Structures are given as structure tokens and as C-alpha cells.
Protein backbone atom coordinates (compact mmCIF):
# COMPACT_ATOMS: atom_id res chain seq x y z
CA MET A 1 -38.62 32.16 45.73
CA ILE A 2 -38.94 28.98 43.34
CA PRO A 3 -37.73 25.45 44.37
CA GLU A 4 -35.04 24.02 42.23
CA HIS A 5 -37.05 20.97 41.02
CA LEU A 6 -39.83 23.20 39.83
CA LYS A 7 -37.68 25.68 37.39
CA LYS A 8 -37.97 25.23 33.99
CA PRO A 9 -34.75 24.02 32.33
CA LYS A 10 -33.19 26.43 29.94
CA ASP A 11 -32.32 24.01 27.37
CA ARG A 12 -34.51 20.97 27.06
CA LYS A 13 -32.21 19.26 24.50
CA LYS A 14 -29.92 16.71 25.62
CA PRO A 15 -26.43 16.97 24.59
CA LEU A 16 -25.47 14.61 21.82
CA ARG A 17 -23.16 11.61 23.27
CA LYS A 18 -19.78 12.43 22.40
CA ILE A 19 -17.81 9.70 20.42
CA PRO A 20 -14.25 10.17 21.45
CA LYS A 21 -12.02 10.86 18.46
CA SER A 22 -9.51 8.47 17.28
CA LYS A 23 -6.10 9.10 17.38
CA TYR A 24 -5.23 8.27 13.82
CA TYR A 25 -6.84 8.09 10.62
CA GLU A 26 -7.64 4.98 8.83
CA HIS A 27 -4.64 5.27 6.54
CA GLU A 28 -2.25 5.95 9.25
CA ILE A 29 -3.39 2.85 10.97
CA GLN A 30 -3.00 0.82 7.58
CA SER A 31 0.44 2.15 7.08
CA MET A 32 1.22 1.21 10.82
CA VAL A 33 0.15 -2.26 10.05
CA GLU A 34 1.80 -2.79 7.00
CA GLU A 35 5.24 -1.51 8.53
CA TYR A 36 4.63 -4.25 11.51
CA LEU A 37 3.72 -6.96 8.66
CA LYS A 38 7.18 -5.77 7.01
CA VAL A 39 9.36 -6.15 10.18
CA LEU A 40 7.51 -9.67 10.84
CA GLY A 41 8.44 -10.58 7.16
CA VAL A 42 4.76 -11.69 6.48
CA THR A 43 3.25 -11.57 3.03
CA TYR A 44 0.42 -9.53 2.34
CA ILE A 45 -1.80 -8.11 -0.30
CA ARG A 46 -3.47 -4.65 -0.37
CA ILE A 47 -5.31 -2.96 -3.24
CA PRO A 48 -4.16 0.62 -3.45
CA ASP A 49 -6.55 3.26 -3.22
CA ALA A 50 -5.30 4.69 -6.69
CA THR A 51 -6.68 1.25 -8.16
CA PHE A 52 -10.30 2.51 -7.40
CA LYS A 53 -9.69 6.15 -8.51
CA ALA A 54 -8.43 4.81 -11.67
CA ILE A 55 -11.80 2.83 -12.12
CA TYR A 56 -14.05 5.55 -11.20
CA HIS A 57 -12.13 8.20 -13.17
CA GLY A 58 -10.08 6.39 -15.52
CA THR A 59 -11.11 7.59 -19.22
CA SER A 60 -9.92 4.13 -20.81
CA ILE A 61 -12.21 2.16 -19.25
CA THR A 62 -15.42 1.80 -20.40
CA LEU A 63 -18.66 2.52 -18.36
CA ARG A 64 -19.81 -1.00 -18.31
CA ASP A 65 -16.25 -2.35 -17.06
CA LYS A 66 -16.25 0.29 -14.33
CA SER A 67 -19.47 -0.88 -13.15
CA VAL A 68 -18.47 -4.46 -13.00
CA MET A 69 -15.22 -3.93 -11.38
CA SER A 70 -16.55 -1.51 -8.75
CA THR A 71 -18.98 -4.34 -7.81
CA TYR A 72 -16.50 -6.73 -7.34
CA LEU A 73 -13.99 -4.63 -5.64
CA LYS A 74 -16.35 -2.58 -3.28
CA GLY A 75 -15.84 -3.52 0.34
CA LEU A 76 -12.55 -5.76 0.13
CA PRO A 77 -10.67 -5.97 3.29
CA ASP A 78 -8.14 -3.49 3.35
CA LEU A 79 -5.41 -6.33 3.76
CA THR A 80 -5.23 -9.78 2.87
CA ILE A 81 -2.64 -11.37 4.68
CA PHE A 82 -0.71 -14.84 4.12
CA HIS A 83 0.26 -17.13 6.96
CA PRO A 84 4.13 -17.99 6.11
CA THR A 85 4.06 -21.77 7.13
CA ARG A 86 0.25 -22.95 7.27
CA TYR A 87 -1.08 -24.35 4.10
CA PHE A 88 -4.61 -25.66 3.73
CA ARG A 89 -4.28 -29.39 2.10
CA ASP A 90 -0.48 -28.95 1.94
CA LYS A 91 -1.17 -26.69 -1.20
CA TYR A 92 -3.19 -23.37 -0.56
CA PRO A 93 -1.66 -20.70 1.89
CA ILE A 94 -4.01 -19.92 5.05
CA VAL A 95 -4.95 -16.32 4.65
CA LEU A 96 -6.53 -13.76 7.27
CA PRO A 97 -8.51 -10.86 5.61
CA LEU A 98 -8.37 -7.73 7.87
CA GLU A 99 -10.51 -4.71 7.59
CA LEU A 100 -8.97 -1.81 9.41
CA LYS A 101 -11.09 0.98 11.18
CA ARG A 102 -10.50 3.71 13.26
CA GLU A 103 -11.63 3.27 17.08
CA ASN A 104 -15.00 4.86 16.21
CA GLY A 105 -15.48 3.60 12.57
CA ARG A 106 -18.34 1.60 11.14
CA LEU A 107 -18.62 -0.84 8.56
CA SER A 108 -20.34 -0.09 5.00
CA THR A 109 -22.70 -2.43 3.64
CA HIS A 110 -20.23 -3.75 1.27
CA GLN A 111 -17.65 -4.23 3.67
CA LEU A 112 -20.66 -6.40 5.70
CA ARG A 113 -21.30 -8.54 2.61
CA TRP A 114 -17.66 -9.36 2.59
CA GLN A 115 -17.22 -10.30 6.32
CA LYS A 116 -20.14 -12.74 5.81
CA LEU A 117 -18.71 -14.05 2.61
CA ILE A 118 -15.10 -14.60 3.71
CA GLY A 119 -14.98 -14.11 7.18
CA THR A 120 -13.03 -10.71 7.32
CA HIS A 121 -11.57 -9.60 10.68
CA ILE A 122 -12.26 -6.24 11.59
CA ALA A 123 -9.70 -4.28 13.88
CA TYR A 124 -10.50 -1.09 15.57
CA GLY A 125 -7.11 0.66 15.65
CA PHE A 126 -3.56 -0.70 15.59
CA ASP A 127 -3.58 -2.26 18.95
CA GLU A 128 -6.36 -4.82 18.03
CA ALA A 129 -4.86 -5.28 14.65
CA LYS A 130 -1.76 -6.25 15.98
CA ARG A 131 -3.64 -8.70 18.20
CA ILE A 132 -5.26 -10.31 15.64
CA ILE A 133 -2.14 -10.75 13.41
CA ASP A 134 -0.23 -12.22 16.40
CA GLU A 135 -3.11 -14.71 17.16
CA PHE A 136 -3.29 -15.36 13.45
CA LEU A 137 0.73 -16.21 13.11
CA GLN A 138 0.54 -18.20 16.43
CA LYS A 139 -1.78 -20.69 14.87
CA THR A 140 -4.46 -19.69 17.62
CA PRO A 141 -7.94 -19.76 16.15
CA ILE A 142 -9.45 -16.55 15.88
CA TYR A 143 -13.28 -16.95 16.27
CA LYS A 144 -15.63 -13.89 16.80
């Protein structure tokens, strides 16, 4: 009889680390956040996905224009949220650029570029997005 520690393992490959699946897709998280902002009465901007589809598949746009537009729009944050009462130099609204991701989502290189340029905040899931928005609206500085 062979001792247990001397037996050959049947499968030498280690099982892959399982990443838990998110409950929601990114577009569902975005819809929930947009509904939350509407309930709060906060102004925000988002570039609809149809804009990107029009850029890539539009026939009336020249190839050069498509290239220029996609260069500047790729990686932009999902939402730009305006603070209702805070202004920079009493003139310019304070904004929160917010990128929404699934709990196991990753940033693209273009999104990382925008994060470095304008300080985009990254929210993994609705709960984290809600926390970031609430801190922003309560005039609590958000630093990461």
C-alpha cells in the first residue's frame, strides 16, 4: 500500500481562481446611478452609447473625423456630475467625473489616461457609486 503523501496527484493543474460574478451588468449599474441622481435632483452628463455607434458606423462622417472623434472620446467617464451649490471661483461648477464598473471590472488604457488627466473616480458597483456621490454632495473631499 502506497502512503497518501507519495501518491501522484490525478490532476497537477491548479484550479483557476474564480472571480465572483457581479450581480449587475455595467449598463444596469449606470441606470441605477442615473435614477439615484434624478431622485436627488442632481444634474449630470453622460455620452450615450449611440454616439459611439454613430462615430464608428456612421456613413456621413469622414474616416478622418471618426478617427479624431474616437481619439478624444475613448475612455471618457460614464458620468460627469455637477455639484448643485459649489462653484470654483464663484463661476465654474464643481464636477465629479465618475467611471462605473462591475465589481470585477477593469479599466481600459484610455480610461486610465482620463483618470490621470482629470481625476476620474472609479466606482465598482452601485453601493460604491452611491457612497462617492453622497460624499461629493456633502462637500466631503474625496481623495484616493
